[in-house]
Amino acid sequence: MAATPEPQEPGKKTFKLLGILDVENIPCARDSVLYGSLGSVVAGLGHFLVTSRIRRSCDVGVGGFIVVTLGCWFHCRYNYAKQKIQERITREGIRNQILYESTHLDPERKQINKSNSSN
């Protein structure tokens, strides 16, 4: 599910991470990168404080960045997709309510007529 980028003002530059990931216009990208950075610092610094091995701590920091970024990305994108589906279903329901209200196709009117005819 590709997100459509918002139209931007002329002359306004967007921030692209590594030249490919437009952090400003892609949903969830900004939060994922920020949480990944924090996870990288925590994992690398924590490993360094425990073992005092600099090179291995850098490797752990990079690994922490990748794991936390991907974890946040997938979690956020799953919730984003779920929210979009719920919005689409709600929009269709509202549209159907507007279209069928007070017509012979209105489900609520059929239920009222059935209950009145049974009494």
PDB file of N, CA and C in Angstrom:
ATOM      1  N   MET A   1       0.855  -1.166   0.000  1.00  0.00           N
ATOM      2  CA  MET A   1       0.000   0.000   0.000  1.00  0.00           C
ATOM      3  C   MET A   1       0.897   1.224   0.000  1.00  0.00           C
ATOM      4  N   ALA A   2       0.952   1.906  -1.109  1.00  0.00           N
ATOM      5  CA  ALA A   2       1.826   3.063  -1.252  1.00  0.00           C
ATOM      6  C   ALA A   2       1.102   4.320  -0.805  1.00  0.00           C
ATOM      7  N   ALA A   3       1.808   5.125  -0.059  1.00  0.00           N
ATOM      8  CA  ALA A   3       1.227   6.382   0.402  1.00  0.00           C
ATOM      9  C   ALA A   3       1.420   7.440  -0.667  1.00  0.00           C
ATOM     10  N   THR A   4       0.402   8.244  -0.868  1.00  0.00           N
ATOM     11  CA  THR A   4       0.521   9.308  -1.857  1.00  0.00           C
ATOM     12  C   THR A   4       1.160  10.514  -1.197  1.00  0.00           C
ATOM     13  N   PRO A   5       2.214  11.039  -1.811  1.00  0.00           N
ATOM     14  CA  PRO A   5       2.852  12.207  -1.211  1.00  0.00           C
ATOM     15  C   PRO A   5       1.976  13.442  -1.345  1.00  0.00           C
ATOM     16  N   GLU A   6       2.032  14.271  -0.329  1.00  0.00           N
ATOM     17  CA  GLU A   6       1.239  15.486  -0.337  1.00  0.00           C
ATOM     18  C   GLU A   6       1.899  16.516  -1.249  1.00  0.00           C
ATOM     19  N   PRO A   7       1.101  17.340  -1.934  1.00  0.00           N
ATOM     20  CA  PRO A   7       1.717  18.380  -2.749  1.00  0.00           C
ATOM     21  C   PRO A   7       2.455  19.370  -1.865  1.00  0.00           C
ATOM     22  N   GLN A   8       3.624  19.736  -2.287  1.00  0.00           N
ATOM     23  CA  GLN A   8       4.416  20.630  -1.466  1.00  0.00           C
ATOM     24  C   GLN A   8       4.526  22.003  -2.112  1.00  0.00           C
ATOM     25  N   GLU A   9       4.844  22.948  -1.297  1.00  0.00           N
ATOM     26  CA  GLU A   9       4.965  24.320  -1.765  1.00  0.00           C
ATOM     27  C   GLU A   9       6.217  24.453  -2.622  1.00  0.00           C
ATOM     28  N   PRO A  10       6.185  25.331  -3.641  1.00  0.00           N
ATOM     29  CA  PRO A  10       7.380  25.524  -4.456  1.00  0.00           C
ATOM     30  C   PRO A  10       8.508  26.124  -3.620  1.00  0.00           C
ATOM     31  N   GLY A  11       9.696  25.607  -3.830  1.00  0.00           N
ATOM     32  CA  GLY A  11      10.852  26.109  -3.093  1.00  0.00           C
ATOM     33  C   GLY A  11      11.057  25.445  -1.754  1.00  0.00           C
ATOM     34  N   LYS A  12      10.141  24.614  -1.313  1.00  0.00           N
ATOM     35  CA  LYS A  12      10.272  23.941  -0.024  1.00  0.00           C
ATOM     36  C   LYS A  12      10.970  22.607  -0.233  1.00  0.00           C
ATOM     37  N   LYS A  13      12.068  22.389   0.471  1.00  0.00           N
ATOM     38  CA  LYS A  13      12.805  21.142   0.342  1.00  0.00           C
ATOM     39  C   LYS A  13      12.329  20.158   1.404  1.00  0.00           C
ATOM     40  N   THR A  14      12.271  18.902   1.013  1.00  0.00           N
ATOM     41  CA  THR A  14      11.909  17.865   1.965  1.00  0.00           C
ATOM     42  C   THR A  14      13.174  17.158   2.430  1.00  0.00           C
ATOM     43  N   PHE A  15      13.085  16.520   3.577  1.00  0.00           N
ATOM     44  CA  PHE A  15      14.220  15.792   4.122  1.00  0.00           C
ATOM     45  C   PHE A  15      14.157  14.351   3.641  1.00  0.00           C
ATOM     46  N   LYS A  16      15.185  13.935   2.918  1.00  0.00           N
ATOM     47  CA  LYS A  16      15.250  12.555   2.441  1.00  0.00           C
ATOM     48  C   LYS A  16      16.416  11.855   3.123  1.00  0.00           C
ATOM     49  N   LEU A  17      16.111  10.725   3.735  1.00  0.00           N
ATOM     50  CA  LEU A  17      17.133   9.940   4.414  1.00  0.00           C
ATOM     51  C   LEU A  17      17.807   9.035   3.390  1.00  0.00           C
ATOM     52  N   LEU A  18      19.111   9.131   3.275  1.00  0.00           N
ATOM     53  CA  LEU A  18      19.922   8.380   2.302  1.00  0.00           C
ATOM     54  C   LEU A  18      19.497   8.663   0.862  1.00  0.00           C
ATOM     55  N   GLY A  19      18.805   9.760   0.648  1.00  0.00           N
ATOM     56  CA  GLY A  19      18.399  10.147  -0.693  1.00  0.00           C
ATOM     57  C   GLY A  19      17.198   9.410  -1.238  1.00  0.00           C
ATOM     58  N   ILE A  20      16.655   8.446  -0.503  1.00  0.00           N
ATOM     59  CA  ILE A  20      15.541   7.660  -1.032  1.00  0.00           C
ATOM     60  C   ILE A  20      14.294   7.705  -0.165  1.00  0.00           C
ATOM     61  N   LEU A  21      14.440   7.780   1.138  1.00  0.00           N
ATOM     62  CA  LEU A  21      13.295   7.713   2.045  1.00  0.00           C
ATOM     63  C   LEU A  21      12.866   9.124   2.411  1.00  0.00           C
ATOM     64  N   ASP A  22      11.733   9.571   1.868  1.00  0.00           N
ATOM     65  CA  ASP A  22      11.213  10.900   2.145  1.00  0.00           C
ATOM     66  C   ASP A  22      10.513  10.865   3.500  1.00  0.00           C
ATOM     67  N   VAL A  23      11.235  11.262   4.524  1.00  0.00           N
ATOM     68  CA  VAL A  23      10.772  11.117   5.902  1.00  0.00           C
ATOM     69  C   VAL A  23       9.559  11.996   6.182  1.00  0.00           C
ATOM     70  N   GLU A  24       9.444  13.116   5.486  1.00  0.00           N
ATOM     71  CA  GLU A  24       8.366  14.050   5.774  1.00  0.00           C
ATOM     72  C   GLU A  24       7.018  13.594   5.220  1.00  0.00           C
ATOM     73  N   ASN A  25       7.008  12.934   4.076  1.00  0.00           N
ATOM     74  CA  ASN A  25       5.743  12.608   3.410  1.00  0.00           C
ATOM     75  C   ASN A  25       5.303  11.152   3.529  1.00  0.00           C
ATOM     76  N   ILE A  26       6.158  10.273   4.009  1.00  0.00           N
ATOM     77  CA  ILE A  26       5.784   8.865   4.138  1.00  0.00           C
ATOM     78  C   ILE A  26       5.299   8.619   5.566  1.00  0.00           C
ATOM     79  N   PRO A  27       4.068   8.115   5.717  1.00  0.00           N
ATOM     80  CA  PRO A  27       3.566   7.843   7.069  1.00  0.00           C
ATOM     81  C   PRO A  27       4.462   6.834   7.789  1.00  0.00           C
ATOM     82  N   CYS A  28       4.711   7.067   9.034  1.00  0.00           N
ATOM     83  CA  CYS A  28       5.465   6.192   9.934  1.00  0.00           C
ATOM     84  C   CYS A  28       6.981   6.273   9.770  1.00  0.00           C
ATOM     85  N   ALA A  29       7.489   6.907   8.721  1.00  0.00           N
ATOM     86  CA  ALA A  29       8.931   6.907   8.493  1.00  0.00           C
ATOM     87  C   ALA A  29       9.660   7.710   9.565  1.00  0.00           C
ATOM     88  N   ARG A  30       9.144   8.860   9.893  1.00  0.00           N
ATOM     89  CA  ARG A  30       9.825   9.734  10.857  1.00  0.00           C
ATOM     90  C   ARG A  30       9.921   9.072  12.228  1.00  0.00           C
ATOM     91  N   ASP A  31       8.808   8.563  12.711  1.00  0.00           N
ATOM     92  CA  ASP A  31       8.820   7.929  14.032  1.00  0.00           C
ATOM     93  C   ASP A  31       9.719   6.699  14.054  1.00  0.00           C
ATOM     94  N   SER A  32       9.683   5.914  12.996  1.00  0.00           N
ATOM     95  CA  SER A  32      10.502   4.706  12.950  1.00  0.00           C
ATOM     96  C   SER A  32      11.987   5.037  12.999  1.00  0.00           C
ATOM     97  N   VAL A  33      12.395   6.058  12.242  1.00  0.00           N
ATOM     98  CA  VAL A  33      13.813   6.433  12.236  1.00  0.00           C
ATOM     99  C   VAL A  33      14.217   7.009  13.591  1.00  0.00           C
ATOM    100  N   LEU A  34      13.360   7.810  14.198  1.00  0.00           N
ATOM    101  CA  LEU A  34      13.699   8.381  15.502  1.00  0.00           C
ATOM    102  C   LEU A  34      13.795   7.306  16.582  1.00  0.00           C
ATOM    103  N   TYR A  35      12.831   6.393  16.615  1.00  0.00           N
ATOM    104  CA  TYR A  35      12.895   5.310  17.601  1.00  0.00           C
ATOM    105  C   TYR A  35      14.084   4.390  17.328  1.00  0.00           C
ATOM    106  N   GLY A  36      14.399   4.172  16.045  1.00  0.00           N
ATOM    107  CA  GLY A  36      15.560   3.360  15.699  1.00  0.00           C
ATOM    108  C   GLY A  36      16.852   3.992  16.176  1.00  0.00           C
ATOM    109  N   SER A  37      16.954   5.313  16.051  1.00  0.00           N
ATOM    110  CA  SER A  37      18.148   6.018  16.524  1.00  0.00           C
ATOM    111  C   SER A  37      18.291   5.891  18.036  1.00  0.00           C
ATOM    112  N   LEU A  38      17.183   6.062  18.725  1.00  0.00           N
ATOM    113  CA  LEU A  38      17.216   5.920  20.176  1.00  0.00           C
ATOM    114  C   LEU A  38      17.569   4.482  20.569  1.00  0.00           C
ATOM    115  N   GLY A  39      17.005   3.515  19.874  1.00  0.00           N
ATOM    116  CA  GLY A  39      17.326   2.116  20.149  1.00  0.00           C
ATOM    117  C   GLY A  39      18.785   1.803  19.889  1.00  0.00           C
ATOM    118  N   SER A  40      19.351   2.437  18.866  1.00  0.00           N
ATOM    119  CA  SER A  40      20.759   2.245  18.544  1.00  0.00           C
ATOM    120  C   SER A  40      21.653   2.754  19.672  1.00  0.00           C
ATOM    121  N   VAL A  41      21.345   3.943  20.156  1.00  0.00           N
ATOM    122  CA  VAL A  41      22.150   4.526  21.237  1.00  0.00           C
ATOM    123  C   VAL A  41      22.035   3.684  22.508  1.00  0.00           C
ATOM    124  N   VAL A  42      20.832   3.293  22.832  1.00  0.00           N
ATOM    125  CA  VAL A  42      20.628   2.504  24.057  1.00  0.00           C
ATOM    126  C   VAL A  42      21.323   1.144  23.960  1.00  0.00           C
ATOM    127  N   ALA A  43      21.170   0.467  22.830  1.00  0.00           N
ATOM    128  CA  ALA A  43      21.782  -0.857  22.688  1.00  0.00           C
ATOM    129  C   ALA A  43      23.308  -0.757  22.674  1.00  0.00           C
ATOM    130  N   GLY A  44      23.846   0.180  21.896  1.00  0.00           N
ATOM    131  CA  GLY A  44      25.306   0.314  21.822  1.00  0.00           C
ATOM    132  C   GLY A  44      25.916   0.748  23.135  1.00  0.00           C
ATOM    133  N   LEU A  45      25.334   1.751  23.773  1.00  0.00           N
ATOM    134  CA  LEU A  45      25.860   2.234  25.041  1.00  0.00           C
ATOM    135  C   LEU A  45      25.707   1.179  26.141  1.00  0.00           C
ATOM    136  N   GLY A  46      24.571   0.505  26.151  1.00  0.00           N
ATOM    137  CA  GLY A  46      24.376  -0.554  27.142  1.00  0.00           C
ATOM    138  C   GLY A  46      25.377  -1.678  26.983  1.00  0.00           C
ATOM    139  N   HIS A  47      25.620  -2.075  25.734  1.00  0.00           N
ATOM    140  CA  HIS A  47      26.604  -3.138  25.493  1.00  0.00           C
ATOM    141  C   HIS A  47      28.012  -2.682  25.872  1.00  0.00           C
ATOM    142  N   PHE A  48      28.323  -1.424  25.597  1.00  0.00           N
ATOM    143  CA  PHE A  48      29.640  -0.905  25.955  1.00  0.00           C
ATOM    144  C   PHE A  48      29.824  -0.861  27.469  1.00  0.00           C
ATOM    145  N   LEU A  49      28.801  -0.437  28.195  1.00  0.00           N
ATOM    146  CA  LEU A  49      28.909  -0.370  29.653  1.00  0.00           C
ATOM    147  C   LEU A  49      29.073  -1.749  30.278  1.00  0.00           C
ATOM    148  N   VAL A  50      28.497  -2.765  29.638  1.00  0.00           N
ATOM    149  CA  VAL A  50      28.605  -4.118  30.184  1.00  0.00           C
ATOM    150  C   VAL A  50      29.943  -4.760  29.816  1.00  0.00           C
ATOM    151  N   THR A  51      30.381  -4.598  28.553  1.00  0.00           N
ATOM    152  CA  THR A  51      31.555  -5.348  28.090  1.00  0.00           C
ATOM    153  C   THR A  51      32.809  -4.508  27.869  1.00  0.00           C
ATOM    154  N   SER A  52      32.694  -3.191  27.695  1.00  0.00           N
ATOM    155  CA  SER A  52      33.809  -2.285  27.395  1.00  0.00           C
ATOM    156  C   SER A  52      34.501  -2.632  26.077  1.00  0.00           C
ATOM    157  N   ARG A  53      33.791  -3.221  25.151  1.00  0.00           N
ATOM    158  CA  ARG A  53      34.326  -3.539  23.828  1.00  0.00           C
ATOM    159  C   ARG A  53      33.716  -2.563  22.828  1.00  0.00           C
ATOM    160  N   ILE A  54      34.549  -1.694  22.269  1.00  0.00           N
ATOM    161  CA  ILE A  54      34.063  -0.601  21.432  1.00  0.00           C
ATOM    162  C   ILE A  54      33.518  -1.119  20.105  1.00  0.00           C
ATOM    163  N   ARG A  55      34.291  -1.925  19.413  1.00  0.00           N
ATOM    164  CA  ARG A  55      33.870  -2.376  18.079  1.00  0.00           C
ATOM    165  C   ARG A  55      32.584  -3.198  18.151  1.00  0.00           C
ATOM    166  N   ARG A  56      32.518  -4.097  19.090  1.00  0.00           N
ATOM    167  CA  ARG A  56      31.310  -4.934  19.224  1.00  0.00           C
ATOM    168  C   ARG A  56      30.111  -4.075  19.631  1.00  0.00           C
ATOM    169  N   SER A  57      30.343  -3.039  20.428  1.00  0.00           N
ATOM    170  CA  SER A  57      29.255  -2.147  20.833  1.00  0.00           C
ATOM    171  C   SER A  57      28.708  -1.371  19.649  1.00  0.00           C
ATOM    172  N   CYS A  58      29.571  -0.975  18.729  1.00  0.00           N
ATOM    173  CA  CYS A  58      29.104  -0.314  17.498  1.00  0.00           C
ATOM    174  C   CYS A  58      28.266  -1.270  16.663  1.00  0.00           C
ATOM    175  N   ASP A  59      28.706  -2.524  16.575  1.00  0.00           N
ATOM    176  CA  ASP A  59      27.926  -3.523  15.832  1.00  0.00           C
ATOM    177  C   ASP A  59      26.561  -3.735  16.477  1.00  0.00           C
ATOM    178  N   VAL A  60      26.540  -3.799  17.792  1.00  0.00           N
ATOM    179  CA  VAL A  60      25.271  -3.964  18.503  1.00  0.00           C
ATOM    180  C   VAL A  60      24.386  -2.742  18.293  1.00  0.00           C
ATOM    181  N   GLY A  61      24.980  -1.548  18.267  1.00  0.00           N
ATOM    182  CA  GLY A  61      24.224  -0.326  18.018  1.00  0.00           C
ATOM    183  C   GLY A  61      23.586  -0.333  16.638  1.00  0.00           C
ATOM    184  N   VAL A  62      24.338  -0.739  15.615  1.00  0.00           N
ATOM    185  CA  VAL A  62      23.782  -0.823  14.255  1.00  0.00           C
ATOM    186  C   VAL A  62      22.673  -1.866  14.204  1.00  0.00           C
ATOM    187  N   GLY A  63      22.903  -2.990  14.823  1.00  0.00           N
ATOM    188  CA  GLY A  63      21.866  -4.031  14.878  1.00  0.00           C
ATOM    189  C   GLY A  63      20.624  -3.551  15.607  1.00  0.00           C
ATOM    190  N   GLY A  64      20.848  -2.820  16.693  1.00  0.00           N
ATOM    191  CA  GLY A  64      19.705  -2.269  17.433  1.00  0.00           C
ATOM    192  C   GLY A  64      18.919  -1.282  16.597  1.00  0.00           C
ATOM    193  N   PHE A  65      19.631  -0.457  15.810  1.00  0.00           N
ATOM    194  CA  PHE A  65      18.946   0.481  14.921  1.00  0.00           C
ATOM    195  C   PHE A  65      18.071  -0.254  13.918  1.00  0.00           C
ATOM    196  N   ILE A  66      18.622  -1.287  13.300  1.00  0.00           N
ATOM    197  CA  ILE A  66      17.877  -2.034  12.282  1.00  0.00           C
ATOM    198  C   ILE A  66      16.659  -2.719  12.889  1.00  0.00           C
ATOM    199  N   VAL A  67      16.853  -3.383  14.009  1.00  0.00           N
ATOM    200  CA  VAL A  67      15.751  -4.122  14.636  1.00  0.00           C
ATOM    201  C   VAL A  67      14.637  -3.185  15.106  1.00  0.00           C
ATOM    202  N   VAL A  68      15.013  -2.118  15.793  1.00  0.00           N
ATOM    203  CA  VAL A  68      14.001  -1.203  16.331  1.00  0.00           C
ATOM    204  C   VAL A  68      13.292  -0.458  15.203  1.00  0.00           C
ATOM    205  N   THR A  69      14.048  -0.016  14.184  1.00  0.00           N
ATOM    206  CA  THR A  69      13.432   0.699  13.071  1.00  0.00           C
ATOM    207  C   THR A  69      12.437  -0.187  12.337  1.00  0.00           C
ATOM    208  N   LEU A  70      12.844  -1.403  12.019  1.00  0.00           N
ATOM    209  CA  LEU A  70      11.931  -2.304  11.302  1.00  0.00           C
ATOM    210  C   LEU A  70      10.734  -2.697  12.166  1.00  0.00           C
ATOM    211  N   GLY A  71      10.972  -2.923  13.451  1.00  0.00           N
ATOM    212  CA  GLY A  71       9.864  -3.260  14.346  1.00  0.00           C
ATOM    213  C   GLY A  71       8.842  -2.140  14.425  1.00  0.00           C
ATOM    214  N   CYS A  72       9.324  -0.909  14.603  1.00  0.00           N
ATOM    215  CA  CYS A  72       8.405   0.246  14.649  1.00  0.00           C
ATOM    216  C   CYS A  72       7.720   0.455  13.309  1.00  0.00           C
ATOM    217  N   TRP A  73       8.459   0.271  12.218  1.00  0.00           N
ATOM    218  CA  TRP A  73       7.910   0.472  10.876  1.00  0.00           C
ATOM    219  C   TRP A  73       6.749  -0.491  10.621  1.00  0.00           C
ATOM    220  N   PHE A  74       6.972  -1.786  10.868  1.00  0.00           N
ATOM    221  CA  PHE A  74       5.923  -2.769  10.592  1.00  0.00           C
ATOM    222  C   PHE A  74       4.728  -2.587  11.512  1.00  0.00           C
ATOM    223  N   HIS A  75       4.979  -2.276  12.782  1.00  0.00           N
ATOM    224  CA  HIS A  75       3.878  -2.055  13.717  1.00  0.00           C
ATOM    225  C   HIS A  75       3.042  -0.853  13.284  1.00  0.00           C
ATOM    226  N   CYS A  76       3.710   0.235  12.950  1.00  0.00           N
ATOM    227  CA  CYS A  76       3.005   1.453  12.555  1.00  0.00           C
ATOM    228  C   CYS A  76       2.274   1.266  11.234  1.00  0.00           C
ATOM    229  N   ARG A  77       2.893   0.618  10.256  1.00  0.00           N
ATOM    230  CA  ARG A  77       2.247   0.423   8.961  1.00  0.00           C
ATOM    231  C   ARG A  77       1.044  -0.511   9.079  1.00  0.00           C
ATOM    232  N   TYR A  78       1.126  -1.516   9.953  1.00  0.00           N
ATOM    233  CA  TYR A  78      -0.012  -2.407  10.183  1.00  0.00           C
ATOM    234  C   TYR A  78      -1.186  -1.611  10.748  1.00  0.00           C
ATOM    235  N   ASN A  79      -0.916  -0.785  11.759  1.00  0.00           N
ATOM    236  CA  ASN A  79      -1.989   0.034  12.339  1.00  0.00           C
ATOM    237  C   ASN A  79      -2.517   1.053  11.344  1.00  0.00           C
ATOM    238  N   TYR A  80      -1.647   1.608  10.509  1.00  0.00           N
ATOM    239  CA  TYR A  80      -2.050   2.578   9.495  1.00  0.00           C
ATOM    240  C   TYR A  80      -2.976   1.916   8.469  1.00  0.00           C
ATOM    241  N   ALA A  81      -2.608   0.721   8.015  1.00  0.00           N
ATOM    242  CA  ALA A  81      -3.446   0.001   7.046  1.00  0.00           C
ATOM    243  C   ALA A  81      -4.788  -0.379   7.664  1.00  0.00           C
ATOM    244  N   LYS A  82      -4.765  -0.811   8.917  1.00  0.00           N
ATOM    245  CA  LYS A  82      -6.007  -1.165   9.602  1.00  0.00           C
ATOM    246  C   LYS A  82      -6.919   0.042   9.742  1.00  0.00           C
ATOM    247  N   GLN A  83      -6.348   1.192  10.056  1.00  0.00           N
ATOM    248  CA  GLN A  83      -7.127   2.416  10.185  1.00  0.00           C
ATOM    249  C   GLN A  83      -7.713   2.839   8.837  1.00  0.00           C
ATOM    250  N   LYS A  84      -6.940   2.696   7.758  1.00  0.00           N
ATOM    251  CA  LYS A  84      -7.438   3.052   6.424  1.00  0.00           C
ATOM    252  C   LYS A  84      -8.599   2.153   6.016  1.00  0.00           C
ATOM    253  N   ILE A  85      -8.530   0.880   6.345  1.00  0.00           N
ATOM    254  CA  ILE A  85      -9.623  -0.046   6.032  1.00  0.00           C
ATOM    255  C   ILE A  85     -10.866   0.325   6.822  1.00  0.00           C
ATOM    256  N   GLN A  86     -10.706   0.642   8.105  1.00  0.00           N
ATOM    257  CA  GLN A  86     -11.848   1.051   8.919  1.00  0.00           C
ATOM    258  C   GLN A  86     -12.467   2.344   8.403  1.00  0.00           C
ATOM    259  N   GLU A  87     -11.634   3.281   7.965  1.00  0.00           N
ATOM    260  CA  GLU A  87     -12.154   4.532   7.409  1.00  0.00           C
ATOM    261  C   GLU A  87     -12.936   4.271   6.120  1.00  0.00           C
ATOM    262  N   ARG A  88     -12.424   3.373   5.273  1.00  0.00           N
ATOM    263  CA  ARG A  88     -13.112   3.063   4.018  1.00  0.00           C
ATOM    264  C   ARG A  88     -14.461   2.403   4.285  1.00  0.00           C
ATOM    265  N   ILE A  89     -14.517   1.482   5.220  1.00  0.00           N
ATOM    266  CA  ILE A  89     -15.770   0.816   5.564  1.00  0.00           C
ATOM    267  C   ILE A  89     -16.767   1.817   6.129  1.00  0.00           C
ATOM    268  N   THR A  90     -16.300   2.718   6.996  1.00  0.00           N
ATOM    269  CA  THR A  90     -17.179   3.739   7.572  1.00  0.00           C
ATOM    270  C   THR A  90     -17.694   4.679   6.497  1.00  0.00           C
ATOM    271  N   ARG A  91     -16.806   5.102   5.564  1.00  0.00           N
ATOM    272  CA  ARG A  91     -17.227   5.977   4.471  1.00  0.00           C
ATOM    273  C   ARG A  91     -18.293   5.318   3.605  1.00  0.00           C
ATOM    274  N   GLU A  92     -18.104   4.027   3.290  1.00  0.00           N
ATOM    275  CA  GLU A  92     -19.094   3.302   2.493  1.00  0.00           C
ATOM    276  C   GLU A  92     -20.414   3.188   3.236  1.00  0.00           C
ATOM    277  N   GLY A  93     -20.347   2.950   4.548  1.00  0.00           N
ATOM    278  CA  GLY A  93     -21.563   2.859   5.345  1.00  0.00           C
ATOM    279  C   GLY A  93     -22.319   4.176   5.379  1.00  0.00           C
ATOM    280  N   ILE A  94     -21.595   5.265   5.539  1.00  0.00           N
ATOM    281  CA  ILE A  94     -22.245   6.585   5.543  1.00  0.00           C
ATOM    282  C   ILE A  94     -22.842   6.885   4.176  1.00  0.00           C
ATOM    283  N   ARG A  95     -22.097   6.566   3.117  1.00  0.00           N
ATOM    284  CA  ARG A  95     -22.609   6.798   1.767  1.00  0.00           C
ATOM    285  C   ARG A  95     -23.874   5.973   1.508  1.00  0.00           C
ATOM    286  N   ASN A  96     -23.874   4.723   1.930  1.00  0.00           N
ATOM    287  CA  ASN A  96     -25.058   3.879   1.755  1.00  0.00           C
ATOM    288  C   ASN A  96     -26.227   4.395   2.581  1.00  0.00           C
ATOM    289  N   GLN A  97     -25.950   4.881   3.777  1.00  0.00           N
ATOM    290  CA  GLN A  97     -27.011   5.437   4.618  1.00  0.00           C
ATOM    291  C   GLN A  97     -27.654   6.635   3.932  1.00  0.00           C
ATOM    292  N   ILE A  98     -26.810   7.493   3.357  1.00  0.00           N
ATOM    293  CA  ILE A  98     -27.334   8.676   2.661  1.00  0.00           C
ATOM    294  C   ILE A  98     -28.133   8.265   1.431  1.00  0.00           C
ATOM    295  N   LEU A  99     -27.623   7.282   0.680  1.00  0.00           N
ATOM    296  CA  LEU A  99     -28.292   6.871  -0.553  1.00  0.00           C
ATOM    297  C   LEU A  99     -29.632   6.186  -0.293  1.00  0.00           C
ATOM    298  N   TYR A 100     -29.662   5.296   0.689  1.00  0.00           N
ATOM    299  CA  TYR A 100     -30.833   4.434   0.874  1.00  0.00           C
ATOM    300  C   TYR A 100     -31.810   4.924   1.925  1.00  0.00           C
ATOM    301  N   GLU A 101     -31.521   6.022   2.602  1.00  0.00           N
ATOM    302  CA  GLU A 101     -32.412   6.506   3.652  1.00  0.00           C
ATOM    303  C   GLU A 101     -33.769   6.882   3.065  1.00  0.00           C
ATOM    304  N   SER A 102     -34.820   6.408   3.673  1.00  0.00           N
ATOM    305  CA  SER A 102     -36.217   6.682   3.294  1.00  0.00           C
ATOM    306  C   SER A 102     -36.582   6.113   1.929  1.00  0.00           C
ATOM    307  N   THR A 103     -35.894   5.089   1.470  1.00  0.00           N
ATOM    308  CA  THR A 103     -36.282   4.407   0.235  1.00  0.00           C
ATOM    309  C   THR A 103     -36.727   2.997   0.589  1.00  0.00           C
ATOM    310  N   HIS A 104     -37.225   2.286  -0.412  1.00  0.00           N
ATOM    311  CA  HIS A 104     -37.665   0.912  -0.151  1.00  0.00           C
ATOM    312  C   HIS A 104     -36.471  -0.018   0.079  1.00  0.00           C
ATOM    313  N   LEU A 105     -35.256   0.435  -0.199  1.00  0.00           N
ATOM    314  CA  LEU A 105     -34.054  -0.371   0.019  1.00  0.00           C
ATOM    315  C   LEU A 105     -33.430  -0.157   1.395  1.00  0.00           C
ATOM    316  N   ASP A 106     -33.990   0.726   2.187  1.00  0.00           N
ATOM    317  CA  ASP A 106     -33.441   1.053   3.506  1.00  0.00           C
ATOM    318  C   ASP A 106     -33.616  -0.133   4.452  1.00  0.00           C
ATOM    319  N   PRO A 107     -32.521  -0.726   4.971  1.00  0.00           N
ATOM    320  CA  PRO A 107     -32.642  -1.880   5.866  1.00  0.00           C
ATOM    321  C   PRO A 107     -33.382  -1.552   7.168  1.00  0.00           C
ATOM    322  N   GLU A 108     -33.216  -0.357   7.692  1.00  0.00           N
ATOM    323  CA  GLU A 108     -33.906   0.008   8.928  1.00  0.00           C
ATOM    324  C   GLU A 108     -35.412   0.107   8.699  1.00  0.00           C
ATOM    325  N   ARG A 109     -35.818   0.591   7.559  1.00  0.00           N
ATOM    326  CA  ARG A 109     -37.238   0.721   7.238  1.00  0.00           C
ATOM    327  C   ARG A 109     -37.882  -0.656   7.094  1.00  0.00           C
ATOM    328  N   LYS A 110     -37.140  -1.608   6.517  1.00  0.00           N
ATOM    329  CA  LYS A 110     -37.664  -2.973   6.384  1.00  0.00           C
ATOM    330  C   LYS A 110     -37.875  -3.610   7.753  1.00  0.00           C
ATOM    331  N   GLN A 111     -36.935  -3.354   8.685  1.00  0.00           N
ATOM    332  CA  GLN A 111     -37.072  -3.918  10.027  1.00  0.00           C
ATOM    333  C   GLN A 111     -38.285  -3.315  10.739  1.00  0.00           C
ATOM    334  N   ILE A 112     -38.500  -2.016  10.567  1.00  0.00           N
ATOM    335  CA  ILE A 112     -39.649  -1.350  11.201  1.00  0.00           C
ATOM    336  C   ILE A 112     -40.944  -1.888  10.620  1.00  0.00           C
ATOM    337  N   ASN A 113     -41.003  -2.076   9.296  1.00  0.00           N
ATOM    338  CA  ASN A 113     -42.208  -2.592   8.661  1.00  0.00           C
ATOM    339  C   ASN A 113     -42.519  -4.008   9.100  1.00  0.00           C
ATOM    340  N   LYS A 114     -41.514  -4.850   9.265  1.00  0.00           N
ATOM    341  CA  LYS A 114     -41.715  -6.226   9.718  1.00  0.00           C
ATOM    342  C   LYS A 114     -42.250  -6.252  11.142  1.00  0.00           C
ATOM    343  N   SER A 115     -41.717  -5.389  12.005  1.00  0.00           N
ATOM    344  CA  SER A 115     -42.165  -5.387  13.401  1.00  0.00           C
ATOM    345  C   SER A 115     -43.594  -4.828  13.498  1.00  0.00           C
ATOM    346  N   ASN A 116     -43.950  -3.862  12.663  1.00  0.00           N
ATOM    347  CA  ASN A 116     -45.317  -3.318  12.664  1.00  0.00           C
ATOM    348  C   ASN A 116     -46.311  -4.329  12.106  1.00  0.00           C
ATOM    349  N   SER A 117     -45.934  -5.088  11.098  1.00  0.00           N
ATOM    350  CA  SER A 117     -46.861  -6.047  10.497  1.00  0.00           C
ATOM    351  C   SER A 117     -47.076  -7.260  11.391  1.00  0.00           C
ATOM    352  N   SER A 118     -46.135  -7.586  12.244  1.00  0.00           N
ATOM    353  CA  SER A 118     -46.302  -8.733  13.122  1.00  0.00           C
ATOM    354  C   SER A 118     -47.176  -8.412  14.318  1.00  0.00           C
ATOM    355  N   ASN A 119     -47.373  -7.121  14.652  1.00  0.00           N
ATOM    356  CA  ASN A 119     -48.194  -6.745  15.806  1.00  0.00           C
ATOM    357  C   ASN A 119     -49.619  -6.714  15.472  1.00  0.00           C
TER     358      ASN A 119
END
